Structures are given as structure tokens and as C-alpha cells.
């Protein structure tokens, strides 16, 4: 605030003859307006308890998850030479049971071969997966990956790409310096959500009493496009759309991401017909997910939240994207 008022004072806008000729003047003080703080939404957690956030934060100390997933088949892989993964897995299981998660002992614990430590990150990941395949008859529910104890581990990127993009296995990476109950709780919140569980819901969602939504199957979409840095015309823009699922809930959603031409604000993959007549677009993907997770209900209305559109682009984006959604 002080920086802004000092800038206005030092620039002496009121002495500018052009501004004066146009009848424009600036005050020396910022305009004061009355603000208000909205009441924090109450959260529903396990055992029919209600959690009230304080200062925008809440925790799960002495609380159970609303819908914990059972974890039966999982493994631990260790790229760190300084971690006791047996102790970490025991502590994780104990913390999970306190949160209501039925978590079995890991199927196996796999240490990195010391001979591969000096290899490239991608090569280390490939060797680790060779070990996993040799010790498991089939894919696990998820893999807990212990990274080297340092920030920005070069293993992280290749590991995530291998698990999520190449194979399709849920994974959770940790790089623990100090393992305590709060740290493990935060890890379990991520694991449970990735496996399809529900950590908490807005209290208004169960039972649903949201107007316009509780009685009419409603798909809620959030849409935005991010662009490369200014001056870079060779970097594709990224279009992302999230769609609600499990109606009448509104805080569960599925995300769909596509690349498109650089600097293009209109999302051009909402409807994407293929040569065989099928549709590979984002909207169809989210509609099918809504149908599968909402007991076979089709949405009778769609609410769209569209971000990042200037006033001059609004009609163009509305006409193009609305037409694709209708198709």
C-alpha cells in the first residue's frame, strides 16, 4: 500500500498537462471500501463429525476420513540410502488405521541396486521397474516411492512419467526428512484421494440442499487455457476442463487436459470428431464419467465456469465453445 501511494506522489500525475487538459486528476490516498469475510464452509468427515476450518486451514487430528479406501496390494520402493522404509511403512499403516483406512502390510519392500545410483534418472527408474516386475505377479494398487532426501529430486519426473503415463499405476512420492503423524496424515490424504476415496465433503453436500442442483442432475464444468511466456510462439497452449461427478456432490471432479495451438484462447477440443464417426472430445469424456459415477443419470443442465476470457473475446469464445458443447 505504501509503495503505491509513494508512486502516485512521486510521479506527480496532477502536474501532467495532457491529463489536466482532459479533466483527469488523481487523489493522493487510496479509496477505502468496506469488506467482509465470508464464513468458512463446514466440512463433513468420518463418524458423522463436522470439521470447522480456522483461518482457512483444517486438519485431521483425531478425525477419520469420510470414505476411506481399503489398501490391500501395495509396495514400497526406496531410492534413498538414508531412510528406514520398514519403519516408515509401519508408521504409515498405524496412522492409516487411526484415520479409518484398512491398510495391509506392503507386499514387498524394494531397495535400489547400489550399482545403478550413478546412472541417469530414467535408467534408475527402468531398473527399479524391472525389479518390481520380477517380484510381483500383477500390478499393485499403488506404489509408495521414497525419493532421495533432497529438494527437487531428479528421480521425480521420470518416476511419475513411468507410473502415470506409460503404465497407469497410482503412485505417491515422499522425501521425508522428519516423519511424524502430521506428515503421514497428509500423505494418506493424497493416497486415499488418488485411490478414489473421499477425505471430506462440504457439509451442504450430504444431504444435498443446494438449490438448482439437488433435484436436477447437474454437470458443473470449469474451463481455462494457459499459455506460454510472452514472446514464445513455439510453446503449445494447455486447455484444461474439470467436470463434476458423483451427482449430487459438487466437490468431486474429473480433469481432462489437451494441448492446442500457441496463444489460442478458444478450447478447440471440446468436440473432436474422428474419422470413424466417434467423438474424442473433452465434453464427451466428462459426460460419460458423470453418467458412470451418478448411478446412470444424464445431466439435465450444465453450469460452466469459464476463466481467462477478456471482454473483447467473450462473444467469440461463447459462440465457438457453446457450439462444441451442444454438439
C-alpha atoms as a PDB file:
ATOM      1  CA  UNK A   1       0.000   0.000   0.000  1.00  0.00           C
ATOM      2  CA  UNK A   2       2.786   2.417   0.942  1.00  0.00           C
ATOM      3  CA  UNK A   3       4.597   1.637  -2.312  1.00  0.00           C
ATOM      4  CA  UNK A   4       1.527   2.520  -4.375  1.00  0.00           C
ATOM      5  CA  UNK A   5       0.835   5.812  -2.612  1.00  0.00           C
ATOM      6  CA  UNK A   6       4.515   6.788  -2.851  1.00  0.00           C
ATOM      7  CA  UNK A   7       4.490   6.031  -6.589  1.00  0.00           C
ATOM      8  CA  UNK A   8       1.427   8.229  -7.174  1.00  0.00           C
ATOM      9  CA  UNK A   9       3.001  11.057  -5.194  1.00  0.00           C
ATOM     10  CA  UNK A  10       6.430  10.858  -6.876  1.00  0.00           C
ATOM     11  CA  UNK A  11       5.051  10.627 -10.425  1.00  0.00           C
ATOM     12  CA  UNK A  12       3.072  13.865  -9.945  1.00  0.00           C
ATOM     13  CA  UNK A  13       0.248  12.925 -12.276  1.00  0.00           C
ATOM     14  CA  UNK A  14      -1.716  16.062 -11.381  1.00  0.00           C
ATOM     15  CA  UNK A  15       1.007  18.203 -12.970  1.00  0.00           C
ATOM     16  CA  UNK A  16       0.759  16.401 -16.315  1.00  0.00           C
ATOM     17  CA  UNK A  17      -0.662  18.943 -18.824  1.00  0.00           C
ATOM     18  CA  UNK A  18      -2.257  16.250 -21.002  1.00  0.00           C
ATOM     19  CA  UNK A  19      -4.176  14.754 -18.077  1.00  0.00           C
ATOM     20  CA  UNK A  20      -5.177  18.215 -16.889  1.00  0.00           C
ATOM     21  CA  UNK A  21      -6.450  19.131 -20.374  1.00  0.00           C
ATOM     22  CA  UNK A  22      -8.620  16.010 -20.321  1.00  0.00           C
ATOM     23  CA  UNK A  23     -10.018  16.857 -16.907  1.00  0.00           C
ATOM     24  CA  UNK A  24      -8.319  13.928 -15.189  1.00  0.00           C
ATOM     25  CA  UNK A  25      -6.940  14.243 -11.676  1.00  0.00           C
ATOM     26  CA  UNK A  26      -5.747  11.708  -9.127  1.00  0.00           C
ATOM     27  CA  UNK A  27      -6.182  11.643  -5.390  1.00  0.00           C
ATOM     28  CA  UNK A  28      -3.241  11.191  -3.067  1.00  0.00           C
ATOM     29  CA  UNK A  29      -4.899   8.494  -0.963  1.00  0.00           C
ATOM     30  CA  UNK A  30      -6.372   5.148  -1.955  1.00  0.00           C
ATOM     31  CA  UNK A  31     -10.145   4.814  -1.811  1.00  0.00           C
ATOM     32  CA  UNK A  32     -11.365   2.858   1.200  1.00  0.00           C
ATOM     33  CA  UNK A  33     -14.185   0.357   0.799  1.00  0.00           C
ATOM     34  CA  UNK A  34     -15.859  -1.877   3.351  1.00  0.00           C
ATOM     35  CA  UNK A  35     -15.029  -5.560   3.021  1.00  0.00           C
ATOM     36  CA  UNK A  36     -16.422  -8.672   4.611  1.00  0.00           C
ATOM     37  CA  UNK A  37     -15.111 -12.098   5.459  1.00  0.00           C
ATOM     38  CA  UNK A  38     -17.295 -14.998   4.394  1.00  0.00           C
ATOM     39  CA  UNK A  39     -17.957 -17.714   6.931  1.00  0.00           C
ATOM     40  CA  UNK A  40     -15.793 -20.755   6.283  1.00  0.00           C
ATOM     41  CA  UNK A  41     -17.730 -23.724   4.859  1.00  0.00           C
ATOM     42  CA  UNK A  42     -18.174 -26.582   7.312  1.00  0.00           C
ATOM     43  CA  UNK A  43     -16.740 -29.953   6.321  1.00  0.00           C
ATOM     44  CA  UNK A  44     -18.188 -33.400   6.879  1.00  0.00           C
ATOM     45  CA  UNK A  45     -15.650 -36.070   7.914  1.00  0.00           C
ATOM     46  CA  UNK A  46     -15.881 -39.620   9.220  1.00  0.00           C
ATOM     47  CA  UNK A  47     -18.029 -40.787  12.155  1.00  0.00           C
ATOM     48  CA  UNK A  48     -20.600 -38.087  11.268  1.00  0.00           C
ATOM     49  CA  UNK A  49     -18.273 -35.411  12.648  1.00  0.00           C
ATOM     50  CA  UNK A  50     -18.111 -31.848  11.361  1.00  0.00           C
ATOM     51  CA  UNK A  51     -14.824 -30.012  10.887  1.00  0.00           C
ATOM     52  CA  UNK A  52     -14.809 -26.202  11.024  1.00  0.00           C
ATOM     53  CA  UNK A  53     -11.799 -24.595   9.271  1.00  0.00           C
ATOM     54  CA  UNK A  54      -9.906 -21.940  11.196  1.00  0.00           C
ATOM     55  CA  UNK A  55      -8.082 -19.189   9.299  1.00  0.00           C
ATOM     56  CA  UNK A  56      -8.506 -21.113   6.068  1.00  0.00           C
ATOM     57  CA  UNK A  57      -6.959 -24.295   7.470  1.00  0.00           C
ATOM     58  CA  UNK A  58      -8.153 -27.554   8.909  1.00  0.00           C
ATOM     59  CA  UNK A  59      -6.505 -30.778   9.966  1.00  0.00           C
ATOM     60  CA  UNK A  60      -7.452 -34.381  10.568  1.00  0.00           C
ATOM     61  CA  UNK A  61      -6.006 -34.756  14.048  1.00  0.00           C
ATOM     62  CA  UNK A  62      -8.165 -37.307  15.897  1.00  0.00           C
ATOM     63  CA  UNK A  63     -10.539 -37.492  12.925  1.00  0.00           C
ATOM     64  CA  UNK A  64     -11.395 -40.257  10.489  1.00  0.00           C
ATOM     65  CA  UNK A  65     -11.826 -39.945   6.747  1.00  0.00           C
ATOM     66  CA  UNK A  66     -15.331 -39.821   5.329  1.00  0.00           C
ATOM     67  CA  UNK A  67     -14.875 -42.652   2.815  1.00  0.00           C
ATOM     68  CA  UNK A  68     -11.546 -44.432   3.343  1.00  0.00           C
ATOM     69  CA  UNK A  69     -10.426 -46.927   0.703  1.00  0.00           C
ATOM     70  CA  UNK A  70      -9.144 -50.356   1.635  1.00  0.00           C
ATOM     71  CA  UNK A  71      -5.496 -50.755   0.639  1.00  0.00           C
ATOM     72  CA  UNK A  72      -4.510 -54.379   0.188  1.00  0.00           C
ATOM     73  CA  UNK A  73      -1.870 -54.646  -2.511  1.00  0.00           C
ATOM     74  CA  UNK A  74       0.857 -52.035  -2.365  1.00  0.00           C
ATOM     75  CA  UNK A  75       4.632 -51.869  -2.384  1.00  0.00           C
ATOM     76  CA  UNK A  76       7.402 -49.541  -1.250  1.00  0.00           C
ATOM     77  CA  UNK A  77      10.404 -48.668  -3.419  1.00  0.00           C
ATOM     78  CA  UNK A  78      13.374 -46.815  -1.990  1.00  0.00           C
ATOM     79  CA  UNK A  79      15.767 -44.545  -3.880  1.00  0.00           C
ATOM     80  CA  UNK A  80      17.158 -43.102  -0.645  1.00  0.00           C
ATOM     81  CA  UNK A  81      20.133 -44.529   1.196  1.00  0.00           C
ATOM     82  CA  UNK A  82      19.180 -42.762   4.426  1.00  0.00           C
ATOM     83  CA  UNK A  83      15.622 -43.966   5.065  1.00  0.00           C
ATOM     84  CA  UNK A  84      14.392 -46.937   7.049  1.00  0.00           C
ATOM     85  CA  UNK A  85      11.497 -47.940   4.807  1.00  0.00           C
ATOM     86  CA  UNK A  86      10.419 -50.733   7.161  1.00  0.00           C
ATOM     87  CA  UNK A  87       9.806 -48.188   9.912  1.00  0.00           C
ATOM     88  CA  UNK A  88       8.132 -45.744   7.524  1.00  0.00           C
ATOM     89  CA  UNK A  89       5.731 -48.427   6.282  1.00  0.00           C
ATOM     90  CA  UNK A  90       4.869 -49.493   9.859  1.00  0.00           C
ATOM     91  CA  UNK A  91       4.210 -45.905  10.914  1.00  0.00           C
ATOM     92  CA  UNK A  92       2.130 -45.293   7.780  1.00  0.00           C
ATOM     93  CA  UNK A  93      -0.048 -48.350   8.466  1.00  0.00           C
ATOM     94  CA  UNK A  94      -0.562 -47.294  12.086  1.00  0.00           C
ATOM     95  CA  UNK A  95      -1.526 -43.762  11.064  1.00  0.00           C
ATOM     96  CA  UNK A  96      -3.842 -45.127   8.356  1.00  0.00           C
ATOM     97  CA  UNK A  97      -5.781 -47.226  10.849  1.00  0.00           C
ATOM     98  CA  UNK A  98      -6.237 -44.182  13.073  1.00  0.00           C
ATOM     99  CA  UNK A  99      -7.834 -42.425  10.091  1.00  0.00           C
ATOM    100  CA  UNK A 100     -10.141 -45.338   9.327  1.00  0.00           C
ATOM    101  CA  UNK A 101      -8.119 -46.734   6.415  1.00  0.00           C
ATOM    102  CA  UNK A 102      -7.774 -50.508   6.398  1.00  0.00           C
ATOM    103  CA  UNK A 103      -4.204 -50.821   5.138  1.00  0.00           C
ATOM    104  CA  UNK A 104      -2.443 -54.161   4.880  1.00  0.00           C
ATOM    105  CA  UNK A 105       1.300 -54.659   5.147  1.00  0.00           C
ATOM    106  CA  UNK A 106       3.154 -53.877   1.907  1.00  0.00           C
ATOM    107  CA  UNK A 107       3.523 -56.788  -0.478  1.00  0.00           C
ATOM    108  CA  UNK A 108       7.247 -56.129  -0.718  1.00  0.00           C
ATOM    109  CA  UNK A 109       9.926 -53.538   0.049  1.00  0.00           C
ATOM    110  CA  UNK A 110      12.371 -52.906  -2.784  1.00  0.00           C
ATOM    111  CA  UNK A 111      15.711 -51.177  -2.286  1.00  0.00           C
ATOM    112  CA  UNK A 112      17.544 -49.592  -5.204  1.00  0.00           C
ATOM    113  CA  UNK A 113      20.502 -51.550  -6.539  1.00  0.00           C
ATOM    114  CA  UNK A 114      23.586 -49.601  -5.358  1.00  0.00           C
ATOM    115  CA  UNK A 115      25.249 -50.208  -8.724  1.00  0.00           C
ATOM    116  CA  UNK A 116      22.642 -48.065 -10.509  1.00  0.00           C
ATOM    117  CA  UNK A 117      22.913 -44.983  -8.275  1.00  0.00           C
ATOM    118  CA  UNK A 118      25.354 -43.301 -10.667  1.00  0.00           C
ATOM    119  CA  UNK A 119      23.185 -43.917 -13.738  1.00  0.00           C
ATOM    120  CA  UNK A 120      20.793 -41.409 -15.306  1.00  0.00           C
ATOM    121  CA  UNK A 121      17.454 -40.861 -13.513  1.00  0.00           C
ATOM    122  CA  UNK A 122      15.497 -42.520 -16.339  1.00  0.00           C
ATOM    123  CA  UNK A 123      17.792 -45.560 -16.259  1.00  0.00           C
ATOM    124  CA  UNK A 124      17.448 -45.857 -12.473  1.00  0.00           C
ATOM    125  CA  UNK A 125      13.663 -45.828 -12.817  1.00  0.00           C
ATOM    126  CA  UNK A 126      13.740 -48.520 -15.520  1.00  0.00           C
ATOM    127  CA  UNK A 127      15.945 -50.784 -13.384  1.00  0.00           C
ATOM    128  CA  UNK A 128      13.605 -50.299 -10.424  1.00  0.00           C
ATOM    129  CA  UNK A 129      10.619 -51.324 -12.535  1.00  0.00           C
ATOM    130  CA  UNK A 130      12.478 -54.421 -13.682  1.00  0.00           C
ATOM    131  CA  UNK A 131      12.773 -55.364 -10.004  1.00  0.00           C
ATOM    132  CA  UNK A 132       9.088 -54.651  -9.417  1.00  0.00           C
ATOM    133  CA  UNK A 133       8.024 -56.865 -12.329  1.00  0.00           C
ATOM    134  CA  UNK A 134      10.222 -59.710 -11.106  1.00  0.00           C
ATOM    135  CA  UNK A 135       8.735 -59.621  -7.591  1.00  0.00           C
ATOM    136  CA  UNK A 136       5.046 -59.018  -8.361  1.00  0.00           C
ATOM    137  CA  UNK A 137       2.646 -61.275 -10.285  1.00  0.00           C
ATOM    138  CA  UNK A 138       0.472 -58.298 -11.244  1.00  0.00           C
ATOM    139  CA  UNK A 139       0.099 -54.534 -10.834  1.00  0.00           C
ATOM    140  CA  UNK A 140      -0.284 -53.208  -7.256  1.00  0.00           C
ATOM    141  CA  UNK A 141      -2.991 -50.826  -6.031  1.00  0.00           C
ATOM    142  CA  UNK A 142      -0.356 -48.167  -5.597  1.00  0.00           C
ATOM    143  CA  UNK A 143       3.392 -47.694  -5.155  1.00  0.00           C
ATOM    144  CA  UNK A 144       4.939 -45.645  -2.367  1.00  0.00           C
ATOM    145  CA  UNK A 145       8.188 -44.179  -3.703  1.00  0.00           C
ATOM    146  CA  UNK A 146      10.810 -42.887  -1.266  1.00  0.00           C
ATOM    147  CA  UNK A 147      12.925 -40.290  -3.062  1.00  0.00           C
ATOM    148  CA  UNK A 148      16.437 -39.196  -2.110  1.00  0.00           C
ATOM    149  CA  UNK A 149      16.328 -36.822   0.833  1.00  0.00           C
ATOM    150  CA  UNK A 150      16.829 -33.578  -1.050  1.00  0.00           C
ATOM    151  CA  UNK A 151      14.674 -30.999  -2.795  1.00  0.00           C
ATOM    152  CA  UNK A 152      13.849 -31.291  -6.497  1.00  0.00           C
ATOM    153  CA  UNK A 153      14.997 -34.875  -6.844  1.00  0.00           C
ATOM    154  CA  UNK A 154      15.824 -35.723 -10.455  1.00  0.00           C
ATOM    155  CA  UNK A 155      14.100 -39.096  -9.954  1.00  0.00           C
ATOM    156  CA  UNK A 156      10.667 -37.496  -9.512  1.00  0.00           C
ATOM    157  CA  UNK A 157       9.928 -36.580 -13.142  1.00  0.00           C
ATOM    158  CA  UNK A 158      10.938 -39.893 -14.778  1.00  0.00           C
ATOM    159  CA  UNK A 159       9.213 -41.849 -11.999  1.00  0.00           C
ATOM    160  CA  UNK A 160       5.897 -40.021 -12.373  1.00  0.00           C
ATOM    161  CA  UNK A 161       6.017 -40.326 -16.164  1.00  0.00           C
ATOM    162  CA  UNK A 162       6.677 -44.062 -15.976  1.00  0.00           C
ATOM    163  CA  UNK A 163       3.917 -44.737 -13.437  1.00  0.00           C
ATOM    164  CA  UNK A 164       1.187 -42.406 -14.649  1.00  0.00           C
ATOM    165  CA  UNK A 165       1.776 -42.030 -18.384  1.00  0.00           C
ATOM    166  CA  UNK A 166       3.463 -45.239 -19.500  1.00  0.00           C
ATOM    167  CA  UNK A 167       1.897 -47.838 -17.179  1.00  0.00           C
ATOM    168  CA  UNK A 168      -1.049 -46.302 -15.336  1.00  0.00           C
ATOM    169  CA  UNK A 169      -0.302 -47.092 -11.679  1.00  0.00           C
ATOM    170  CA  UNK A 170      -1.177 -44.798  -8.786  1.00  0.00           C
ATOM    171  CA  UNK A 171       1.949 -43.626  -7.019  1.00  0.00           C
ATOM    172  CA  UNK A 172       2.784 -41.390  -4.078  1.00  0.00           C
ATOM    173  CA  UNK A 173       6.271 -39.941  -3.688  1.00  0.00           C
ATOM    174  CA  UNK A 174       7.716 -38.903  -0.354  1.00  0.00           C
ATOM    175  CA  UNK A 175      11.039 -37.370   0.587  1.00  0.00           C
ATOM    176  CA  UNK A 176      10.897 -37.481   4.356  1.00  0.00           C
ATOM    177  CA  UNK A 177      13.313 -35.504   6.450  1.00  0.00           C
ATOM    178  CA  UNK A 178      11.237 -35.645   9.613  1.00  0.00           C
ATOM    179  CA  UNK A 179       8.470 -38.248   9.697  1.00  0.00           C
ATOM    180  CA  UNK A 180       5.696 -37.516  12.178  1.00  0.00           C
ATOM    181  CA  UNK A 181       1.960 -38.096  12.446  1.00  0.00           C
ATOM    182  CA  UNK A 182       1.064 -34.863  10.662  1.00  0.00           C
ATOM    183  CA  UNK A 183       3.374 -35.666   7.743  1.00  0.00           C
ATOM    184  CA  UNK A 184       1.978 -39.201   7.388  1.00  0.00           C
ATOM    185  CA  UNK A 185      -1.602 -37.910   7.651  1.00  0.00           C
ATOM    186  CA  UNK A 186      -1.006 -35.526   4.748  1.00  0.00           C
ATOM    187  CA  UNK A 187       0.482 -38.383   2.716  1.00  0.00           C
ATOM    188  CA  UNK A 188      -2.531 -40.591   3.463  1.00  0.00           C
ATOM    189  CA  UNK A 189      -4.956 -37.848   2.411  1.00  0.00           C
ATOM    190  CA  UNK A 190      -3.292 -37.838  -1.003  1.00  0.00           C
ATOM    191  CA  UNK A 191      -3.217 -41.627  -1.270  1.00  0.00           C
ATOM    192  CA  UNK A 192      -6.875 -42.046  -0.294  1.00  0.00           C
ATOM    193  CA  UNK A 193      -7.994 -39.401  -2.807  1.00  0.00           C
ATOM    194  CA  UNK A 194      -5.902 -40.931  -5.594  1.00  0.00           C
ATOM    195  CA  UNK A 195      -7.451 -44.352  -4.941  1.00  0.00           C
ATOM    196  CA  UNK A 196     -10.979 -42.939  -5.216  1.00  0.00           C
ATOM    197  CA  UNK A 197     -11.764 -42.360  -1.548  1.00  0.00           C
ATOM    198  CA  UNK A 198     -13.323 -39.240  -0.050  1.00  0.00           C
ATOM    199  CA  UNK A 199     -11.457 -37.441   2.711  1.00  0.00           C
ATOM    200  CA  UNK A 200     -14.183 -34.896   3.429  1.00  0.00           C
ATOM    201  CA  UNK A 201     -17.163 -33.178   1.839  1.00  0.00           C
ATOM    202  CA  UNK A 202     -18.806 -29.826   2.181  1.00  0.00           C
ATOM    203  CA  UNK A 203     -21.495 -30.205   4.826  1.00  0.00           C
ATOM    204  CA  UNK A 204     -24.114 -28.840   2.404  1.00  0.00           C
ATOM    205  CA  UNK A 205     -23.437 -31.786   0.076  1.00  0.00           C
ATOM    206  CA  UNK A 206     -24.614 -34.532   2.432  1.00  0.00           C
ATOM    207  CA  UNK A 207     -27.545 -34.480   2.488  1.00  0.00           C
ATOM    208  CA  UNK A 208     -27.615 -32.193  -0.515  1.00  0.00           C
ATOM    209  CA  UNK A 209     -29.593 -29.000  -0.053  1.00  0.00           C
ATOM    210  CA  UNK A 210     -28.026 -26.919  -2.798  1.00  0.00           C
ATOM    211  CA  UNK A 211     -30.630 -25.037  -4.839  1.00  0.00           C
ATOM    212  CA  UNK A 212     -30.775 -25.716  -8.593  1.00  0.00           C
ATOM    213  CA  UNK A 213     -28.640 -28.826  -8.155  1.00  0.00           C
ATOM    214  CA  UNK A 214     -30.147 -31.146  -5.549  1.00  0.00           C
ATOM    215  CA  UNK A 215     -33.235 -32.068  -7.610  1.00  0.00           C
ATOM    216  CA  UNK A 216     -31.881 -31.791 -11.161  1.00  0.00           C
ATOM    217  CA  UNK A 217     -28.844 -33.813 -12.335  1.00  0.00           C
ATOM    218  CA  UNK A 218     -26.305 -31.078 -12.968  1.00  0.00           C
ATOM    219  CA  UNK A 219     -22.856 -31.203 -14.549  1.00  0.00           C
ATOM    220  CA  UNK A 220     -20.567 -28.378 -13.407  1.00  0.00           C
ATOM    221  CA  UNK A 221     -17.652 -27.540 -15.707  1.00  0.00           C
ATOM    222  CA  UNK A 222     -14.616 -25.375 -15.030  1.00  0.00           C
ATOM    223  CA  UNK A 223     -12.601 -24.346 -18.102  1.00  0.00           C
ATOM    224  CA  UNK A 224      -9.366 -22.442 -18.646  1.00  0.00           C
ATOM    225  CA  UNK A 225      -6.418 -22.168 -21.035  1.00  0.00           C
ATOM    226  CA  UNK A 226      -2.828 -21.424 -20.022  1.00  0.00           C
ATOM    227  CA  UNK A 227      -0.287 -20.036 -22.463  1.00  0.00           C
ATOM    228  CA  UNK A 228       3.484 -19.945 -22.767  1.00  0.00           C
ATOM    229  CA  UNK A 229       5.505 -16.960 -21.650  1.00  0.00           C
ATOM    230  CA  UNK A 230       5.246 -13.742 -23.685  1.00  0.00           C
ATOM    231  CA  UNK A 231       7.274 -13.808 -26.878  1.00  0.00           C
ATOM    232  CA  UNK A 232       7.295 -17.603 -27.109  1.00  0.00           C
ATOM    233  CA  UNK A 233       5.120 -18.645 -30.045  1.00  0.00           C
ATOM    234  CA  UNK A 234       6.530 -22.173 -30.232  1.00  0.00           C
ATOM    235  CA  UNK A 235       5.071 -23.445 -26.949  1.00  0.00           C
ATOM    236  CA  UNK A 236       1.599 -25.075 -27.155  1.00  0.00           C
ATOM    237  CA  UNK A 237      -1.192 -23.694 -25.037  1.00  0.00           C
ATOM    238  CA  UNK A 238      -2.728 -26.064 -22.485  1.00  0.00           C
ATOM    239  CA  UNK A 239      -6.517 -26.356 -22.279  1.00  0.00           C
ATOM    240  CA  UNK A 240      -7.947 -27.897 -19.117  1.00  0.00           C
ATOM    241  CA  UNK A 241     -11.530 -28.718 -18.181  1.00  0.00           C
ATOM    242  CA  UNK A 242     -12.813 -30.204 -14.935  1.00  0.00           C
ATOM    243  CA  UNK A 243     -16.243 -31.791 -14.670  1.00  0.00           C
ATOM    244  CA  UNK A 244     -18.195 -32.689 -11.553  1.00  0.00           C
ATOM    245  CA  UNK A 245     -19.003 -36.334 -10.863  1.00  0.00           C
ATOM    246  CA  UNK A 246     -20.988 -38.420  -8.389  1.00  0.00           C
ATOM    247  CA  UNK A 247     -24.055 -36.122  -8.521  1.00  0.00           C
ATOM    248  CA  UNK A 248     -25.447 -34.596  -6.306  1.00  0.00           C
ATOM    249  CA  UNK A 249     -21.934 -33.978  -4.956  1.00  0.00           C
ATOM    250  CA  UNK A 250     -20.159 -30.892  -6.280  1.00  0.00           C
ATOM    251  CA  UNK A 251     -16.666 -31.185  -4.786  1.00  0.00           C
ATOM    252  CA  UNK A 252     -15.688 -34.335  -6.700  1.00  0.00           C
ATOM    253  CA  UNK A 253     -14.467 -33.815 -10.223  1.00  0.00           C
ATOM    254  CA  UNK A 254     -12.542 -35.311 -13.121  1.00  0.00           C
ATOM    255  CA  UNK A 255      -9.921 -33.372 -15.074  1.00  0.00           C
ATOM    256  CA  UNK A 256      -9.216 -33.510 -18.802  1.00  0.00           C
ATOM    257  CA  UNK A 257      -6.244 -31.786 -20.439  1.00  0.00           C
ATOM    258  CA  UNK A 258      -5.319 -31.160 -24.096  1.00  0.00           C
ATOM    259  CA  UNK A 259      -2.617 -29.231 -25.927  1.00  0.00           C
ATOM    260  CA  UNK A 260      -3.574 -26.828 -28.690  1.00  0.00           C
ATOM    261  CA  UNK A 261      -2.105 -24.106 -30.920  1.00  0.00           C
ATOM    262  CA  UNK A 262       0.041 -21.497 -29.139  1.00  0.00           C
ATOM    263  CA  UNK A 263      -1.813 -18.434 -27.811  1.00  0.00           C
ATOM    264  CA  UNK A 264      -5.223 -19.848 -28.806  1.00  0.00           C
ATOM    265  CA  UNK A 265      -7.735 -18.906 -26.098  1.00  0.00           C
ATOM    266  CA  UNK A 266     -10.676 -20.869 -27.518  1.00  0.00           C
ATOM    267  CA  UNK A 267     -10.688 -24.522 -26.453  1.00  0.00           C
ATOM    268  CA  UNK A 268     -10.784 -26.448 -29.728  1.00  0.00           C
ATOM    269  CA  UNK A 269     -11.036 -29.995 -28.355  1.00  0.00           C
ATOM    270  CA  UNK A 270     -14.395 -29.846 -26.574  1.00  0.00           C
ATOM    271  CA  UNK A 271     -15.865 -31.683 -29.565  1.00  0.00           C
ATOM    272  CA  UNK A 272     -13.411 -33.700 -31.658  1.00  0.00           C
ATOM    273  CA  UNK A 273     -14.964 -35.994 -34.286  1.00  0.00           C
ATOM    274  CA  UNK A 274     -12.811 -38.855 -35.550  1.00  0.00           C
ATOM    275  CA  UNK A 275     -12.728 -40.410 -38.995  1.00  0.00           C
ATOM    276  CA  UNK A 276     -14.779 -43.393 -37.766  1.00  0.00           C
ATOM    277  CA  UNK A 277     -17.573 -41.100 -36.566  1.00  0.00           C
ATOM    278  CA  UNK A 278     -16.745 -41.278 -32.863  1.00  0.00           C
ATOM    279  CA  UNK A 279     -16.146 -38.240 -30.685  1.00  0.00           C
ATOM    280  CA  UNK A 280     -12.824 -37.941 -28.838  1.00  0.00           C
ATOM    281  CA  UNK A 281     -13.611 -34.558 -27.307  1.00  0.00           C
ATOM    282  CA  UNK A 282     -13.338 -33.396 -23.726  1.00  0.00           C
ATOM    283  CA  UNK A 283     -17.077 -32.900 -23.184  1.00  0.00           C
ATOM    284  CA  UNK A 284     -17.968 -36.467 -24.190  1.00  0.00           C
ATOM    285  CA  UNK A 285     -15.278 -37.785 -21.830  1.00  0.00           C
ATOM    286  CA  UNK A 286     -16.701 -35.809 -18.910  1.00  0.00           C
ATOM    287  CA  UNK A 287     -20.315 -36.660 -19.790  1.00  0.00           C
ATOM    288  CA  UNK A 288     -19.525 -40.384 -19.760  1.00  0.00           C
ATOM    289  CA  UNK A 289     -17.742 -40.060 -16.426  1.00  0.00           C
ATOM    290  CA  UNK A 290     -20.724 -38.176 -14.972  1.00  0.00           C
ATOM    291  CA  UNK A 291     -23.075 -40.923 -16.213  1.00  0.00           C
ATOM    292  CA  UNK A 292     -20.941 -43.754 -14.783  1.00  0.00           C
ATOM    293  CA  UNK A 293     -20.468 -42.137 -11.373  1.00  0.00           C
ATOM    294  CA  UNK A 294     -24.012 -40.786 -10.932  1.00  0.00           C
ATOM    295  CA  UNK A 295     -25.977 -44.059 -10.996  1.00  0.00           C
ATOM    296  CA  UNK A 296     -26.723 -43.790 -14.695  1.00  0.00           C
ATOM    297  CA  UNK A 297     -28.089 -40.236 -14.546  1.00  0.00           C
ATOM    298  CA  UNK A 298     -27.578 -37.969 -17.523  1.00  0.00           C
ATOM    299  CA  UNK A 299     -27.148 -34.264 -16.744  1.00  0.00           C
ATOM    300  CA  UNK A 300     -30.262 -32.239 -17.455  1.00  0.00           C
ATOM    301  CA  UNK A 301     -28.409 -28.964 -17.049  1.00  0.00           C
ATOM    302  CA  UNK A 302     -24.794 -27.841 -17.346  1.00  0.00           C
ATOM    303  CA  UNK A 303     -23.191 -24.951 -15.466  1.00  0.00           C
ATOM    304  CA  UNK A 304     -19.956 -23.622 -16.979  1.00  0.00           C
ATOM    305  CA  UNK A 305     -17.352 -21.521 -15.193  1.00  0.00           C
ATOM    306  CA  UNK A 306     -15.018 -20.096 -17.859  1.00  0.00           C
ATOM    307  CA  UNK A 307     -11.863 -18.296 -16.771  1.00  0.00           C
ATOM    308  CA  UNK A 308      -9.334 -16.176 -18.626  1.00  0.00           C
ATOM    309  CA  UNK A 309     -11.563 -14.535 -21.258  1.00  0.00           C
ATOM    310  CA  UNK A 310     -11.365 -10.798 -21.861  1.00  0.00           C
ATOM    311  CA  UNK A 311     -14.474  -8.789 -22.674  1.00  0.00           C
ATOM    312  CA  UNK A 312     -13.408  -8.449 -26.309  1.00  0.00           C
ATOM    313  CA  UNK A 313     -13.075 -12.240 -26.632  1.00  0.00           C
ATOM    314  CA  UNK A 314     -16.220 -13.166 -24.745  1.00  0.00           C
ATOM    315  CA  UNK A 315     -18.689 -13.445 -27.639  1.00  0.00           C
ATOM    316  CA  UNK A 316     -16.196 -15.293 -29.814  1.00  0.00           C
ATOM    317  CA  UNK A 317     -15.361 -17.811 -27.105  1.00  0.00           C
ATOM    318  CA  UNK A 318     -19.017 -18.177 -26.159  1.00  0.00           C
ATOM    319  CA  UNK A 319     -20.128 -18.905 -29.717  1.00  0.00           C
ATOM    320  CA  UNK A 320     -17.328 -21.356 -30.508  1.00  0.00           C
ATOM    321  CA  UNK A 321     -17.255 -23.262 -27.213  1.00  0.00           C
ATOM    322  CA  UNK A 322     -21.004 -23.322 -26.667  1.00  0.00           C
ATOM    323  CA  UNK A 323     -21.483 -24.801 -30.137  1.00  0.00           C
ATOM    324  CA  UNK A 324     -18.938 -27.529 -29.368  1.00  0.00           C
ATOM    325  CA  UNK A 325     -20.614 -28.324 -26.043  1.00  0.00           C
ATOM    326  CA  UNK A 326     -24.011 -28.646 -27.759  1.00  0.00           C
ATOM    327  CA  UNK A 327     -22.561 -30.955 -30.416  1.00  0.00           C
END
